[in-house]
Protein backbone atom coordinates (compact mmCIF):
# COMPACT_ATOMS: atom_id res chain seq x y z
CA UNK A 1 0.00 0.00 0.00
CA UNK A 2 1.31 3.45 -0.85
CA UNK A 3 2.20 6.11 1.68
CA UNK A 4 -0.98 8.16 1.24
CA UNK A 5 -3.64 9.05 3.80
CA UNK A 6 -6.92 7.27 2.99
CA UNK A 7 -9.16 10.18 4.00
CA UNK A 8 -7.28 13.35 3.14
CA UNK A 9 -4.92 12.11 0.43
CA UNK A 10 -1.88 13.61 2.18
CA UNK A 11 1.41 12.57 0.58
CA UNK A 12 5.08 13.22 1.21
CA UNK A 13 6.63 16.69 1.07
CA UNK A 14 9.97 17.50 -0.52
CA UNK A 15 12.74 19.67 0.83
CA UNK A 16 16.48 19.93 1.21
CA UNK A 17 19.12 18.52 3.53
CA UNK A 18 21.36 21.47 4.28
CA UNK A 19 24.90 20.68 5.42
CA UNK A 20 27.15 22.84 7.55
CA UNK A 21 28.84 24.00 4.32
CA UNK A 22 25.35 24.99 3.01
CA UNK A 23 25.29 22.19 0.41
CA UNK A 24 21.73 21.30 -0.47
CA UNK A 25 20.53 17.83 -1.47
CA UNK A 26 16.94 16.83 -2.13
CA UNK A 27 15.09 14.78 0.47
CA UNK A 28 11.58 13.52 1.16
CA UNK A 29 9.49 14.07 4.31
CA UNK A 30 7.11 11.13 4.68
CA UNK A 31 3.65 11.58 6.14
CA UNK A 32 3.03 10.13 9.62
CA UNK A 33 0.68 7.24 8.75
CA UNK A 34 -1.00 4.93 11.26
CA UNK A 35 -3.03 1.79 10.58
CA UNK A 36 -6.41 2.10 12.29
CA UNK A 37 -9.85 0.54 12.17
CA UNK A 38 -12.60 3.12 11.74
CA UNK A 39 -16.25 2.41 12.51
CA UNK A 40 -19.05 3.90 10.46
CA UNK A 41 -22.11 4.23 12.69
CA UNK A 42 -24.42 4.94 9.76
CA UNK A 43 -23.34 2.02 7.61
CA UNK A 44 -22.56 -0.32 10.49
CA UNK A 45 -19.24 -1.33 8.91
CA UNK A 46 -15.58 -1.30 9.94
CA UNK A 47 -12.81 -0.04 7.67
CA UNK A 48 -9.14 -0.90 8.21
CA UNK A 49 -7.20 1.99 6.67
CA UNK A 50 -3.99 3.99 6.94
CA UNK A 51 -4.53 7.60 7.92
CA UNK A 52 -2.25 10.45 8.96
CA UNK A 53 -1.86 11.19 12.66
CA UNK A 54 -3.16 14.72 12.08
CA UNK A 55 -6.29 13.29 10.44
CA UNK A 56 -6.77 11.00 13.44
CA UNK A 57 -6.72 14.00 15.78
CA UNK A 58 -9.28 15.75 13.59
CA UNK A 59 -11.52 12.66 13.60
CA UNK A 60 -11.48 12.63 17.40
CA UNK A 61 -12.17 16.36 17.56
CA UNK A 62 -15.10 16.28 15.14
CA UNK A 63 -16.69 13.16 16.56
CA UNK A 64 -16.11 10.19 14.29
CA UNK A 65 -15.75 9.06 10.71
CA UNK A 66 -19.27 9.84 9.52
CA UNK A 67 -19.34 13.38 10.82
CA UNK A 68 -15.79 14.05 9.53
CA UNK A 69 -16.75 13.00 6.01
CA UNK A 70 -20.07 14.82 5.94
CA UNK A 71 -18.60 18.07 7.29
CA UNK A 72 -15.52 18.04 5.04
CA UNK A 73 -15.33 19.85 1.71
CA UNK A 74 -15.15 17.47 -1.26
CA UNK A 75 -11.97 19.11 -2.57
CA UNK A 76 -10.12 18.17 0.64
CA UNK A 77 -11.01 14.46 0.52
CA UNK A 78 -9.33 11.65 -1.37
CA UNK A 79 -11.11 9.72 -4.13
CA UNK A 80 -11.78 6.72 -1.85
CA UNK A 81 -13.11 8.97 0.91
CA UNK A 82 -15.52 10.61 -1.55
CA UNK A 83 -16.95 7.19 -2.42
CA UNK A 84 -17.46 6.48 1.27
CA UNK A 85 -19.03 9.92 1.79
CA UNK A 86 -21.59 9.31 -0.96
CA UNK A 87 -22.48 5.92 0.56
CA UNK A 88 -23.09 7.55 3.93
CA UNK A 89 -25.07 10.47 2.53
CA UNK A 90 -27.30 8.12 0.49
CA UNK A 91 -28.02 6.08 3.63
CA UNK A 92 -28.91 9.23 5.60
CA UNK A 93 -31.05 10.74 2.84
CA UNK A 94 -34.75 10.43 3.72
CA UNK A 95 -36.80 8.23 1.39
CA UNK A 96 -39.62 10.13 -0.34
PDB file of N, CA and C in Angstrom:
ATOM      1  N   UNK A   1       0.844  -1.175   0.000  1.00  0.00           N
ATOM      2  CA  UNK A   1       0.000   0.000   0.000  1.00  0.00           C
ATOM      3  C   UNK A   1       0.891   1.241   0.000  1.00  0.00           C
ATOM      4  N   UNK A   2       0.484   2.254  -0.731  1.00  0.00           N
ATOM      5  CA  UNK A   2       1.308   3.445  -0.848  1.00  0.00           C
ATOM      6  C   UNK A   2       1.221   4.312   0.408  1.00  0.00           C
ATOM      7  N   UNK A   3       2.128   5.246   0.515  1.00  0.00           N
ATOM      8  CA  UNK A   3       2.196   6.114   1.682  1.00  0.00           C
ATOM      9  C   UNK A   3       1.325   7.348   1.460  1.00  0.00           C
ATOM     10  N   UNK A   4       0.003   7.105   1.457  1.00  0.00           N
ATOM     11  CA  UNK A   4      -0.980   8.159   1.237  1.00  0.00           C
ATOM     12  C   UNK A   4      -2.092   7.987   2.261  1.00  0.00           C
ATOM     13  N   UNK A   5      -2.542   9.087   2.851  1.00  0.00           N
ATOM     14  CA  UNK A   5      -3.639   9.051   3.804  1.00  0.00           C
ATOM     15  C   UNK A   5      -4.933   8.691   3.082  1.00  0.00           C
ATOM     16  N   UNK A   6      -5.686   7.738   3.619  1.00  0.00           N
ATOM     17  CA  UNK A   6      -6.920   7.268   2.995  1.00  0.00           C
ATOM     18  C   UNK A   6      -7.975   8.364   2.924  1.00  0.00           C
ATOM     19  N   UNK A   7      -8.102   9.180   3.957  1.00  0.00           N
ATOM     20  CA  UNK A   7      -9.164  10.175   4.004  1.00  0.00           C
ATOM     21  C   UNK A   7      -8.803  11.489   3.334  1.00  0.00           C
ATOM     22  N   UNK A   8      -7.635  12.024   3.644  1.00  0.00           N
ATOM     23  CA  UNK A   8      -7.285  13.350   3.141  1.00  0.00           C
ATOM     24  C   UNK A   8      -6.419  13.323   1.891  1.00  0.00           C
ATOM     25  N   UNK A   9      -5.788  12.190   1.594  1.00  0.00           N
ATOM     26  CA  UNK A   9      -4.916  12.108   0.425  1.00  0.00           C
ATOM     27  C   UNK A   9      -3.562  12.760   0.630  1.00  0.00           C
ATOM     28  N   UNK A  10      -3.185  13.003   1.895  1.00  0.00           N
ATOM     29  CA  UNK A  10      -1.881  13.611   2.178  1.00  0.00           C
ATOM     30  C   UNK A  10      -0.765  12.703   1.688  1.00  0.00           C
ATOM     31  N   UNK A  11       0.254  13.298   1.078  1.00  0.00           N
ATOM     32  CA  UNK A  11       1.413  12.572   0.582  1.00  0.00           C
ATOM     33  C   UNK A  11       2.681  13.179   1.182  1.00  0.00           C
ATOM     34  N   UNK A  12       3.810  12.709   0.715  1.00  0.00           N
ATOM     35  CA  UNK A  12       5.084  13.221   1.211  1.00  0.00           C
ATOM     36  C   UNK A  12       5.305  14.659   0.749  1.00  0.00           C
ATOM     37  N   UNK A  13       6.186  15.355   1.472  1.00  0.00           N
ATOM     38  CA  UNK A  13       6.626  16.690   1.072  1.00  0.00           C
ATOM     39  C   UNK A  13       8.095  16.597   0.692  1.00  0.00           C
ATOM     40  N   UNK A  14       8.558  17.497  -0.142  1.00  0.00           N
ATOM     41  CA  UNK A  14       9.967  17.499  -0.519  1.00  0.00           C
ATOM     42  C   UNK A  14      10.646  18.717   0.095  1.00  0.00           C
ATOM     43  N   UNK A  15      11.950  18.584   0.266  1.00  0.00           N
ATOM     44  CA  UNK A  15      12.738  19.667   0.826  1.00  0.00           C
ATOM     45  C   UNK A  15      14.206  19.404   0.589  1.00  0.00           C
ATOM     46  N   UNK A  16      15.039  20.060   1.363  1.00  0.00           N
ATOM     47  CA  UNK A  16      16.482  19.932   1.214  1.00  0.00           C
ATOM     48  C   UNK A  16      17.132  19.540   2.523  1.00  0.00           C
ATOM     49  N   UNK A  17      18.169  18.681   2.437  1.00  0.00           N
ATOM     50  CA  UNK A  17      19.116  18.517   3.526  1.00  0.00           C
ATOM     51  C   UNK A  17      20.146  19.617   3.347  1.00  0.00           C
ATOM     52  N   UNK A  18      20.400  20.376   4.379  1.00  0.00           N
ATOM     53  CA  UNK A  18      21.365  21.466   4.280  1.00  0.00           C
ATOM     54  C   UNK A  18      22.535  21.153   5.204  1.00  0.00           C
ATOM     55  N   UNK A  19      23.710  21.016   4.627  1.00  0.00           N
ATOM     56  CA  UNK A  19      24.896  20.684   5.417  1.00  0.00           C
ATOM     57  C   UNK A  19      25.473  21.936   6.068  1.00  0.00           C
ATOM     58  N   UNK A  20      26.483  21.723   6.893  1.00  0.00           N
ATOM     59  CA  UNK A  20      27.152  22.840   7.547  1.00  0.00           C
ATOM     60  C   UNK A  20      27.781  23.768   6.518  1.00  0.00           C
ATOM     61  N   UNK A  21      28.235  23.207   5.393  1.00  0.00           N
ATOM     62  CA  UNK A  21      28.839  24.002   4.321  1.00  0.00           C
ATOM     63  C   UNK A  21      27.780  24.583   3.378  1.00  0.00           C
ATOM     64  N   UNK A  22      26.496  24.463   3.768  1.00  0.00           N
ATOM     65  CA  UNK A  22      25.353  24.986   3.012  1.00  0.00           C
ATOM     66  C   UNK A  22      25.149  24.270   1.677  1.00  0.00           C
ATOM     67  N   UNK A  23      25.600  23.003   1.589  1.00  0.00           N
ATOM     68  CA  UNK A  23      25.292  22.194   0.413  1.00  0.00           C
ATOM     69  C   UNK A  23      23.868  21.675   0.563  1.00  0.00           C
ATOM     70  N   UNK A  24      23.128  21.709  -0.518  1.00  0.00           N
ATOM     71  CA  UNK A  24      21.731  21.296  -0.467  1.00  0.00           C
ATOM     72  C   UNK A  24      21.516  20.048  -1.323  1.00  0.00           C
ATOM     73  N   UNK A  25      20.910  19.030  -0.732  1.00  0.00           N
ATOM     74  CA  UNK A  25      20.533  17.831  -1.472  1.00  0.00           C
ATOM     75  C   UNK A  25      19.060  17.554  -1.205  1.00  0.00           C
ATOM     76  N   UNK A  26      18.377  17.072  -2.237  1.00  0.00           N
ATOM     77  CA  UNK A  26      16.940  16.825  -2.129  1.00  0.00           C
ATOM     78  C   UNK A  26      16.658  15.703  -1.134  1.00  0.00           C
ATOM     79  N   UNK A  27      15.536  15.823  -0.430  1.00  0.00           N
ATOM     80  CA  UNK A  27      15.093  14.777   0.475  1.00  0.00           C
ATOM     81  C   UNK A  27      13.570  14.741   0.490  1.00  0.00           C
ATOM     82  N   UNK A  28      13.017  13.719   1.130  1.00  0.00           N
ATOM     83  CA  UNK A  28      11.579  13.523   1.164  1.00  0.00           C
ATOM     84  C   UNK A  28      11.128  13.407   2.620  1.00  0.00           C
ATOM     85  N   UNK A  29      10.095  14.142   2.985  1.00  0.00           N
ATOM     86  CA  UNK A  29       9.495  14.072   4.314  1.00  0.00           C
ATOM     87  C   UNK A  29       8.235  13.226   4.198  1.00  0.00           C
ATOM     88  N   UNK A  30       8.268  12.004   4.753  1.00  0.00           N
ATOM     89  CA  UNK A  30       7.110  11.126   4.676  1.00  0.00           C
ATOM     90  C   UNK A  30       6.025  11.578   5.642  1.00  0.00           C
ATOM     91  N   UNK A  31       4.792  11.264   5.293  1.00  0.00           N
ATOM     92  CA  UNK A  31       3.650  11.577   6.139  1.00  0.00           C
ATOM     93  C   UNK A  31       3.580  10.556   7.273  1.00  0.00           C
ATOM     94  N   UNK A  32       3.094  10.980   8.430  1.00  0.00           N
ATOM     95  CA  UNK A  32       3.034  10.133   9.619  1.00  0.00           C
ATOM     96  C   UNK A  32       1.754   9.284   9.571  1.00  0.00           C
ATOM     97  N   UNK A  33       1.847   8.106   8.933  1.00  0.00           N
ATOM     98  CA  UNK A  33       0.680   7.241   8.755  1.00  0.00           C
ATOM     99  C   UNK A  33       0.559   6.227   9.881  1.00  0.00           C
ATOM    100  N   UNK A  34      -0.684   5.928  10.254  1.00  0.00           N
ATOM    101  CA  UNK A  34      -0.997   4.925  11.257  1.00  0.00           C
ATOM    102  C   UNK A  34      -2.096   4.025  10.714  1.00  0.00           C
ATOM    103  N   UNK A  35      -1.982   2.729  10.958  1.00  0.00           N
ATOM    104  CA  UNK A  35      -3.031   1.785  10.577  1.00  0.00           C
ATOM    105  C   UNK A  35      -4.081   1.763  11.676  1.00  0.00           C
ATOM    106  N   UNK A  36      -5.317   2.058  11.316  1.00  0.00           N
ATOM    107  CA  UNK A  36      -6.409   2.099  12.295  1.00  0.00           C
ATOM    108  C   UNK A  36      -7.643   1.421  11.709  1.00  0.00           C
ATOM    109  N   UNK A  37      -8.552   1.056  12.577  1.00  0.00           N
ATOM    110  CA  UNK A  37      -9.848   0.543  12.169  1.00  0.00           C
ATOM    111  C   UNK A  37     -10.889   1.587  12.539  1.00  0.00           C
ATOM    112  N   UNK A  38     -11.587   2.090  11.532  1.00  0.00           N
ATOM    113  CA  UNK A  38     -12.597   3.121  11.739  1.00  0.00           C
ATOM    114  C   UNK A  38     -13.980   2.507  11.618  1.00  0.00           C
ATOM    115  N   UNK A  39     -14.876   2.896  12.522  1.00  0.00           N
ATOM    116  CA  UNK A  39     -16.252   2.410  12.515  1.00  0.00           C
ATOM    117  C   UNK A  39     -17.172   3.463  11.912  1.00  0.00           C
ATOM    118  N   UNK A  40     -18.013   3.038  10.998  1.00  0.00           N
ATOM    119  CA  UNK A  40     -19.049   3.903  10.459  1.00  0.00           C
ATOM    120  C   UNK A  40     -20.354   3.546  11.157  1.00  0.00           C
ATOM    121  N   UNK A  41     -20.875   4.478  11.962  1.00  0.00           N
ATOM    122  CA  UNK A  41     -22.114   4.225  12.693  1.00  0.00           C
ATOM    123  C   UNK A  41     -23.303   4.126  11.742  1.00  0.00           C
ATOM    124  N   UNK A  42     -23.309   4.929  10.712  1.00  0.00           N
ATOM    125  CA  UNK A  42     -24.418   4.944   9.764  1.00  0.00           C
ATOM    126  C   UNK A  42     -24.493   3.659   8.963  1.00  0.00           C
ATOM    127  N   UNK A  43     -23.361   3.214   8.442  1.00  0.00           N
ATOM    128  CA  UNK A  43     -23.340   2.018   7.606  1.00  0.00           C
ATOM    129  C   UNK A  43     -23.224   0.743   8.422  1.00  0.00           C
ATOM    130  N   UNK A  44     -22.753   0.851   9.648  1.00  0.00           N
ATOM    131  CA  UNK A  44     -22.561  -0.319  10.489  1.00  0.00           C
ATOM    132  C   UNK A  44     -21.415  -1.200  10.027  1.00  0.00           C
ATOM    133  N   UNK A  45     -20.381  -0.591   9.436  1.00  0.00           N
ATOM    134  CA  UNK A  45     -19.238  -1.328   8.911  1.00  0.00           C
ATOM    135  C   UNK A  45     -17.948  -0.820   9.543  1.00  0.00           C
ATOM    136  N   UNK A  46     -16.913  -1.668   9.474  1.00  0.00           N
ATOM    137  CA  UNK A  46     -15.583  -1.298   9.942  1.00  0.00           C
ATOM    138  C   UNK A  46     -14.664  -1.221   8.740  1.00  0.00           C
ATOM    139  N   UNK A  47     -13.771  -0.233   8.749  1.00  0.00           N
ATOM    140  CA  UNK A  47     -12.813  -0.042   7.667  1.00  0.00           C
ATOM    141  C   UNK A  47     -11.412  -0.007   8.256  1.00  0.00           C
ATOM    142  N   UNK A  48     -10.537  -0.900   7.784  1.00  0.00           N
ATOM    143  CA  UNK A  48      -9.142  -0.901   8.213  1.00  0.00           C
ATOM    144  C   UNK A  48      -8.360  -0.099   7.178  1.00  0.00           C
ATOM    145  N   UNK A  49      -7.845   1.059   7.590  1.00  0.00           N
ATOM    146  CA  UNK A  49      -7.197   1.987   6.666  1.00  0.00           C
ATOM    147  C   UNK A  49      -5.938   2.567   7.300  1.00  0.00           C
ATOM    148  N   UNK A  50      -5.145   3.230   6.465  1.00  0.00           N
ATOM    149  CA  UNK A  50      -3.995   3.989   6.936  1.00  0.00           C
ATOM    150  C   UNK A  50      -4.332   5.466   6.809  1.00  0.00           C
ATOM    151  N   UNK A  51      -4.268   6.170   7.940  1.00  0.00           N
ATOM    152  CA  UNK A  51      -4.530   7.604   7.917  1.00  0.00           C
ATOM    153  C   UNK A  51      -3.401   8.340   8.632  1.00  0.00           C
ATOM    154  N   UNK A  52      -3.269   9.623   8.334  1.00  0.00           N
ATOM    155  CA  UNK A  52      -2.247  10.454   8.959  1.00  0.00           C
ATOM    156  C   UNK A  52      -2.622  10.720  10.414  1.00  0.00           C
ATOM    157  N   UNK A  53      -1.628  10.920  11.246  1.00  0.00           N
ATOM    158  CA  UNK A  53      -1.860  11.192  12.661  1.00  0.00           C
ATOM    159  C   UNK A  53      -2.651  12.486  12.834  1.00  0.00           C
ATOM    160  N   UNK A  54      -2.414  13.472  11.994  1.00  0.00           N
ATOM    161  CA  UNK A  54      -3.159  14.723  12.075  1.00  0.00           C
ATOM    162  C   UNK A  54      -4.627  14.514  11.731  1.00  0.00           C
ATOM    163  N   UNK A  55      -4.908  13.612  10.795  1.00  0.00           N
ATOM    164  CA  UNK A  55      -6.286  13.294  10.445  1.00  0.00           C
ATOM    165  C   UNK A  55      -6.971  12.565  11.594  1.00  0.00           C
ATOM    166  N   UNK A  56      -6.221  11.718  12.295  1.00  0.00           N
ATOM    167  CA  UNK A  56      -6.769  10.999  13.440  1.00  0.00           C
ATOM    168  C   UNK A  56      -7.182  11.970  14.542  1.00  0.00           C
ATOM    169  N   UNK A  57      -6.370  12.987  14.781  1.00  0.00           N
ATOM    170  CA  UNK A  57      -6.716  13.998  15.781  1.00  0.00           C
ATOM    171  C   UNK A  57      -7.979  14.747  15.366  1.00  0.00           C
ATOM    172  N   UNK A  58      -8.100  15.052  14.083  1.00  0.00           N
ATOM    173  CA  UNK A  58      -9.277  15.755  13.592  1.00  0.00           C
ATOM    174  C   UNK A  58     -10.520  14.884  13.723  1.00  0.00           C
ATOM    175  N   UNK A  59     -10.399  13.581  13.433  1.00  0.00           N
ATOM    176  CA  UNK A  59     -11.525  12.661  13.597  1.00  0.00           C
ATOM    177  C   UNK A  59     -12.015  12.657  15.041  1.00  0.00           C
ATOM    178  N   UNK A  60     -11.097  12.620  15.993  1.00  0.00           N
ATOM    179  CA  UNK A  60     -11.480  12.629  17.399  1.00  0.00           C
ATOM    180  C   UNK A  60     -12.128  13.949  17.792  1.00  0.00           C
ATOM    181  N   UNK A  61     -11.647  15.035  17.240  1.00  0.00           N
ATOM    182  CA  UNK A  61     -12.173  16.356  17.565  1.00  0.00           C
ATOM    183  C   UNK A  61     -13.591  16.524  17.029  1.00  0.00           C
ATOM    184  N   UNK A  62     -13.817  16.085  15.790  1.00  0.00           N
ATOM    185  CA  UNK A  62     -15.104  16.276  15.136  1.00  0.00           C
ATOM    186  C   UNK A  62     -16.148  15.305  15.669  1.00  0.00           C
ATOM    187  N   UNK A  63     -15.742  14.094  15.982  1.00  0.00           N
ATOM    188  CA  UNK A  63     -16.689  13.156  16.563  1.00  0.00           C
ATOM    189  C   UNK A  63     -16.932  11.902  15.760  1.00  0.00           C
ATOM    190  N   UNK A  64     -15.966  11.456  14.987  1.00  0.00           N
ATOM    191  CA  UNK A  64     -16.114  10.186  14.290  1.00  0.00           C
ATOM    192  C   UNK A  64     -16.000  10.302  12.787  1.00  0.00           C
ATOM    193  N   UNK A  65     -15.967   9.145  12.159  1.00  0.00           N
ATOM    194  CA  UNK A  65     -15.754   9.059  10.712  1.00  0.00           C
ATOM    195  C   UNK A  65     -16.896   9.682   9.922  1.00  0.00           C
ATOM    196  N   UNK A  66     -18.128   9.349  10.283  1.00  0.00           N
ATOM    197  CA  UNK A  66     -19.273   9.836   9.520  1.00  0.00           C
ATOM    198  C   UNK A  66     -19.367  11.359   9.539  1.00  0.00           C
ATOM    199  N   UNK A  67     -19.236  11.926  10.700  1.00  0.00           N
ATOM    200  CA  UNK A  67     -19.337  13.384  10.818  1.00  0.00           C
ATOM    201  C   UNK A  67     -18.163  14.071  10.115  1.00  0.00           C
ATOM    202  N   UNK A  68     -16.962  13.486  10.212  1.00  0.00           N
ATOM    203  CA  UNK A  68     -15.793  14.048   9.529  1.00  0.00           C
ATOM    204  C   UNK A  68     -16.032  14.122   8.032  1.00  0.00           C
ATOM    205  N   UNK A  69     -16.528  13.028   7.454  1.00  0.00           N
ATOM    206  CA  UNK A  69     -16.748  12.998   6.008  1.00  0.00           C
ATOM    207  C   UNK A  69     -17.854  13.936   5.581  1.00  0.00           C
ATOM    208  N   UNK A  70     -18.947  13.971   6.327  1.00  0.00           N
ATOM    209  CA  UNK A  70     -20.075  14.821   5.941  1.00  0.00           C
ATOM    210  C   UNK A  70     -19.772  16.306   6.091  1.00  0.00           C
ATOM    211  N   UNK A  71     -18.936  16.665   7.070  1.00  0.00           N
ATOM    212  CA  UNK A  71     -18.604  18.070   7.294  1.00  0.00           C
ATOM    213  C   UNK A  71     -17.459  18.564   6.408  1.00  0.00           C
ATOM    214  N   UNK A  72     -16.684  17.640   5.826  1.00  0.00           N
ATOM    215  CA  UNK A  72     -15.517  18.038   5.036  1.00  0.00           C
ATOM    216  C   UNK A  72     -15.919  18.474   3.631  1.00  0.00           C
ATOM    217  N   UNK A  73     -15.140  19.405   3.096  1.00  0.00           N
ATOM    218  CA  UNK A  73     -15.329  19.848   1.714  1.00  0.00           C
ATOM    219  C   UNK A  73     -14.831  18.748   0.777  1.00  0.00           C
ATOM    220  N   UNK A  74     -15.517  18.545  -0.336  1.00  0.00           N
ATOM    221  CA  UNK A  74     -15.150  17.467  -1.263  1.00  0.00           C
ATOM    222  C   UNK A  74     -13.751  17.645  -1.842  1.00  0.00           C
ATOM    223  N   UNK A  75     -13.292  18.873  -1.989  1.00  0.00           N
ATOM    224  CA  UNK A  75     -11.971  19.112  -2.573  1.00  0.00           C
ATOM    225  C   UNK A  75     -10.848  18.689  -1.628  1.00  0.00           C
ATOM    226  N   UNK A  76     -11.144  18.539  -0.333  1.00  0.00           N
ATOM    227  CA  UNK A  76     -10.119  18.171   0.639  1.00  0.00           C
ATOM    228  C   UNK A  76     -10.080  16.678   0.930  1.00  0.00           C
ATOM    229  N   UNK A  77     -10.955  15.900   0.283  1.00  0.00           N
ATOM    230  CA  UNK A  77     -11.009  14.462   0.525  1.00  0.00           C
ATOM    231  C   UNK A  77     -10.385  13.703  -0.635  1.00  0.00           C
ATOM    232  N   UNK A  78      -9.882  12.506  -0.334  1.00  0.00           N
ATOM    233  CA  UNK A  78      -9.327  11.648  -1.373  1.00  0.00           C
ATOM    234  C   UNK A  78     -10.464  11.003  -2.158  1.00  0.00           C
ATOM    235  N   UNK A  79     -10.115  10.345  -3.259  1.00  0.00           N
ATOM    236  CA  UNK A  79     -11.109   9.720  -4.130  1.00  0.00           C
ATOM    237  C   UNK A  79     -11.871   8.618  -3.388  1.00  0.00           C
ATOM    238  N   UNK A  80     -11.149   7.804  -2.618  1.00  0.00           N
ATOM    239  CA  UNK A  80     -11.784   6.724  -1.854  1.00  0.00           C
ATOM    240  C   UNK A  80     -12.701   7.272  -0.762  1.00  0.00           C
ATOM    241  N   UNK A  81     -12.292   8.367  -0.140  1.00  0.00           N
ATOM    242  CA  UNK A  81     -13.109   8.972   0.908  1.00  0.00           C
ATOM    243  C   UNK A  81     -14.385   9.569   0.321  1.00  0.00           C
ATOM    244  N   UNK A  82     -14.318  10.081  -0.897  1.00  0.00           N
ATOM    245  CA  UNK A  82     -15.516  10.613  -1.552  1.00  0.00           C
ATOM    246  C   UNK A  82     -16.533   9.512  -1.817  1.00  0.00           C
ATOM    247  N   UNK A  83     -16.050   8.330  -2.213  1.00  0.00           N
ATOM    248  CA  UNK A  83     -16.954   7.195  -2.422  1.00  0.00           C
ATOM    249  C   UNK A  83     -17.659   6.831  -1.117  1.00  0.00           C
ATOM    250  N   UNK A  84     -16.903   6.805  -0.036  1.00  0.00           N
ATOM    251  CA  UNK A  84     -17.460   6.480   1.267  1.00  0.00           C
ATOM    252  C   UNK A  84     -18.456   7.556   1.719  1.00  0.00           C
ATOM    253  N   UNK A  85     -18.142   8.810   1.425  1.00  0.00           N
ATOM    254  CA  UNK A  85     -19.031   9.918   1.793  1.00  0.00           C
ATOM    255  C   UNK A  85     -20.364   9.808   1.062  1.00  0.00           C
ATOM    256  N   UNK A  86     -20.343   9.444  -0.211  1.00  0.00           N
ATOM    257  CA  UNK A  86     -21.591   9.308  -0.956  1.00  0.00           C
ATOM    258  C   UNK A  86     -22.424   8.136  -0.435  1.00  0.00           C
ATOM    259  N   UNK A  87     -21.762   7.043  -0.040  1.00  0.00           N
ATOM    260  CA  UNK A  87     -22.478   5.917   0.556  1.00  0.00           C
ATOM    261  C   UNK A  87     -23.209   6.345   1.826  1.00  0.00           C
ATOM    262  N   UNK A  88     -22.510   7.105   2.665  1.00  0.00           N
ATOM    263  CA  UNK A  88     -23.087   7.550   3.935  1.00  0.00           C
ATOM    264  C   UNK A  88     -24.221   8.535   3.700  1.00  0.00           C
ATOM    265  N   UNK A  89     -24.022   9.472   2.779  1.00  0.00           N
ATOM    266  CA  UNK A  89     -25.067  10.473   2.531  1.00  0.00           C
ATOM    267  C   UNK A  89     -26.309   9.846   1.902  1.00  0.00           C
ATOM    268  N   UNK A  90     -26.148   8.812   1.064  1.00  0.00           N
ATOM    269  CA  UNK A  90     -27.303   8.117   0.490  1.00  0.00           C
ATOM    270  C   UNK A  90     -28.086   7.386   1.572  1.00  0.00           C
ATOM    271  N   UNK A  91     -27.365   6.810   2.536  1.00  0.00           N
ATOM    272  CA  UNK A  91     -28.018   6.084   3.627  1.00  0.00           C
ATOM    273  C   UNK A  91     -28.794   7.040   4.537  1.00  0.00           C
ATOM    274  N   UNK A  92     -28.265   8.261   4.734  1.00  0.00           N
ATOM    275  CA  UNK A  92     -28.906   9.230   5.604  1.00  0.00           C
ATOM    276  C   UNK A  92     -30.043   9.985   4.921  1.00  0.00           C
ATOM    277  N   UNK A  93     -30.043  10.000   3.593  1.00  0.00           N
ATOM    278  CA  UNK A  93     -31.052  10.744   2.843  1.00  0.00           C
ATOM    279  C   UNK A  93     -32.432  10.140   3.105  1.00  0.00           C
ATOM    280  N   UNK A  94     -33.411  10.970   3.455  1.00  0.00           N
ATOM    281  CA  UNK A  94     -34.754  10.431   3.718  1.00  0.00           C
ATOM    282  C   UNK A  94     -35.405   9.917   2.428  1.00  0.00           C
ATOM    283  N   UNK A  95     -36.122   8.821   2.548  1.00  0.00           N
ATOM    284  CA  UNK A  95     -36.799   8.232   1.394  1.00  0.00           C
ATOM    285  C   UNK A  95     -38.137   8.951   1.192  1.00  0.00           C
ATOM    286  N   UNK A  96     -38.388   9.380  -0.038  1.00  0.00           N
ATOM    287  CA  UNK A  96     -39.620  10.135  -0.340  1.00  0.00           C
ATOM    288  C   UNK A  96     -40.658   9.241  -0.938  1.00  0.00           C
TER     289      UNK A  96
END
